Amino acid sequence: MIYGFVSSMDGETTRVLFRSKKIPMQNIFHSGGLGKLVEVLKDGDVVYVISCTRFSSVNQVYGFAKFCHERGVTVHFVAEPYL
């Protein structure tokens, strides 16, 4: 499955990008729902995030990235492809 992760910093441009990636609205999780997103992720899933600034801290980015790596989930940081 394909998921999106947004925060209050994201607007309509993000929604347009996520629609172009064919991400259904029910698969877009707000920053307050990171725990819910983690619960549904499984091997082979993909998560799109506009930027690492959408997370509340560096520790949260690191923890989420580590979790995804261990579970075989791909994370795409759109604004920071080098991550």
C-alpha atoms as a PDB file:
ATOM      1  CA  MET A   1       0.000   0.000   0.000  1.00  0.00           C
ATOM      2  CA  ILE A   2       0.962   3.617  -0.438  1.00  0.00           C
ATOM      3  CA  TYR A   3       0.578   6.097   2.428  1.00  0.00           C
ATOM      4  CA  GLY A   4       1.108   9.802   2.982  1.00  0.00           C
ATOM      5  CA  PHE A   5       2.200  11.614   6.126  1.00  0.00           C
ATOM      6  CA  VAL A   6       1.250  15.287   6.556  1.00  0.00           C
ATOM      7  CA  SER A   7       1.372  18.010   9.179  1.00  0.00           C
ATOM      8  CA  SER A   8      -0.244  21.404   9.630  1.00  0.00           C
ATOM      9  CA  MET A   9       2.558  22.778   7.412  1.00  0.00           C
ATOM     10  CA  ASP A  10       1.084  20.974   4.401  1.00  0.00           C
ATOM     11  CA  GLY A  11      -1.622  22.489   2.241  1.00  0.00           C
ATOM     12  CA  GLU A  12      -3.414  21.880  -1.015  1.00  0.00           C
ATOM     13  CA  THR A  13      -0.150  21.424  -2.931  1.00  0.00           C
ATOM     14  CA  THR A  14       0.618  18.365  -0.825  1.00  0.00           C
ATOM     15  CA  ARG A  15      -2.833  16.923  -1.442  1.00  0.00           C
ATOM     16  CA  VAL A  16      -2.345  17.379  -5.201  1.00  0.00           C
ATOM     17  CA  LEU A  17       1.027  15.620  -5.011  1.00  0.00           C
ATOM     18  CA  PHE A  18      -0.440  12.748  -3.014  1.00  0.00           C
ATOM     19  CA  ARG A  19      -3.343  12.411  -5.465  1.00  0.00           C
ATOM     20  CA  SER A  20      -0.798  12.189  -8.302  1.00  0.00           C
ATOM     21  CA  LYS A  21       0.838   9.315  -6.408  1.00  0.00           C
ATOM     22  CA  LYS A  22      -2.605   7.637  -6.204  1.00  0.00           C
ATOM     23  CA  ILE A  23      -2.754   7.829  -2.405  1.00  0.00           C
ATOM     24  CA  PRO A  24      -6.368   7.467  -1.194  1.00  0.00           C
ATOM     25  CA  MET A  25      -7.524   9.985   1.435  1.00  0.00           C
ATOM     26  CA  GLN A  26      -7.941   7.229   4.038  1.00  0.00           C
ATOM     27  CA  ASN A  27      -4.230   6.417   3.622  1.00  0.00           C
ATOM     28  CA  ILE A  28      -3.078   9.949   4.492  1.00  0.00           C
ATOM     29  CA  PHE A  29      -2.127  10.283   8.151  1.00  0.00           C
ATOM     30  CA  HIS A  30      -1.679  13.546  10.059  1.00  0.00           C
ATOM     31  CA  SER A  31       1.340  14.059  12.287  1.00  0.00           C
ATOM     32  CA  GLY A  32      -0.797  13.423  15.377  1.00  0.00           C
ATOM     33  CA  GLY A  33      -1.653   9.981  14.003  1.00  0.00           C
ATOM     34  CA  LEU A  34       1.854   8.624  13.539  1.00  0.00           C
ATOM     35  CA  GLY A  35       1.058   5.750  15.904  1.00  0.00           C
ATOM     36  CA  LYS A  36      -1.925   4.756  13.761  1.00  0.00           C
ATOM     37  CA  LEU A  37       0.243   4.820  10.639  1.00  0.00           C
ATOM     38  CA  VAL A  38       2.861   2.615  12.301  1.00  0.00           C
ATOM     39  CA  GLU A  39       0.140   0.093  13.219  1.00  0.00           C
ATOM     40  CA  VAL A  40      -0.900  -0.479   9.584  1.00  0.00           C
ATOM     41  CA  LEU A  41       2.523  -0.555   7.911  1.00  0.00           C
ATOM     42  CA  LYS A  42       3.873  -3.847   6.659  1.00  0.00           C
ATOM     43  CA  ASP A  43       6.618  -5.152   4.389  1.00  0.00           C
ATOM     44  CA  GLY A  44       6.519  -3.616   0.918  1.00  0.00           C
ATOM     45  CA  ASP A  45       4.519  -0.507   1.867  1.00  0.00           C
ATOM     46  CA  VAL A  46       5.594   2.986   0.791  1.00  0.00           C
ATOM     47  CA  VAL A  47       5.217   6.209   2.802  1.00  0.00           C
ATOM     48  CA  TYR A  48       5.519   9.652   1.199  1.00  0.00           C
ATOM     49  CA  VAL A  49       6.502  12.584   3.415  1.00  0.00           C
ATOM     50  CA  ILE A  50       7.111  16.062   2.016  1.00  0.00           C
ATOM     51  CA  SER A  51       9.980  16.849   4.398  1.00  0.00           C
ATOM     52  CA  CYS A  52      11.613  15.639   7.586  1.00  0.00           C
ATOM     53  CA  THR A  53      10.348  18.886   9.147  1.00  0.00           C
ATOM     54  CA  ARG A  54       6.886  17.284   9.277  1.00  0.00           C
ATOM     55  CA  PHE A  55       8.013  15.289  12.315  1.00  0.00           C
ATOM     56  CA  SER A  56       8.086  16.876  15.755  1.00  0.00           C
ATOM     57  CA  SER A  57      11.750  16.064  16.443  1.00  0.00           C
ATOM     58  CA  VAL A  58      14.888  14.521  15.017  1.00  0.00           C
ATOM     59  CA  ASN A  59      14.385  11.571  17.369  1.00  0.00           C
ATOM     60  CA  GLN A  60      10.936  10.976  15.859  1.00  0.00           C
ATOM     61  CA  VAL A  61      12.347  11.036  12.313  1.00  0.00           C
ATOM     62  CA  TYR A  62      15.106   8.627  13.313  1.00  0.00           C
ATOM     63  CA  GLY A  63      12.738   6.299  15.168  1.00  0.00           C
ATOM     64  CA  PHE A  64      10.257   6.221  12.287  1.00  0.00           C
ATOM     65  CA  ALA A  65      12.993   5.640   9.699  1.00  0.00           C
ATOM     66  CA  LYS A  66      14.515   2.858  11.796  1.00  0.00           C
ATOM     67  CA  PHE A  67      11.100   1.231  12.273  1.00  0.00           C
ATOM     68  CA  CYS A  68      10.422   1.380   8.519  1.00  0.00           C
ATOM     69  CA  HIS A  69      13.857  -0.023   7.672  1.00  0.00           C
ATOM     70  CA  GLU A  70      13.340  -2.968  10.022  1.00  0.00           C
ATOM     71  CA  ARG A  71       9.865  -3.669   8.597  1.00  0.00           C
ATOM     72  CA  GLY A  72      10.821  -3.354   4.913  1.00  0.00           C
ATOM     73  CA  VAL A  73       8.820  -0.149   4.416  1.00  0.00           C
ATOM     74  CA  THR A  74      10.124   2.465   1.976  1.00  0.00           C
ATOM     75  CA  VAL A  75      10.016   6.128   3.044  1.00  0.00           C
ATOM     76  CA  HIS A  76      10.261   8.883   0.403  1.00  0.00           C
ATOM     77  CA  PHE A  77      11.089  12.387   1.631  1.00  0.00           C
ATOM     78  CA  VAL A  78       9.940  14.418  -1.380  1.00  0.00           C
ATOM     79  CA  ALA A  79      11.876  17.623  -0.578  1.00  0.00           C
ATOM     80  CA  GLU A  80      14.967  15.719   0.636  1.00  0.00           C
ATOM     81  CA  PRO A  81      15.555  12.831  -1.789  1.00  0.00           C
ATOM     82  CA  TYR A  82      19.044  12.335  -0.346  1.00  0.00           C
ATOM     83  CA  LEU A  83      17.455  10.997   2.876  1.00  0.00           C
END
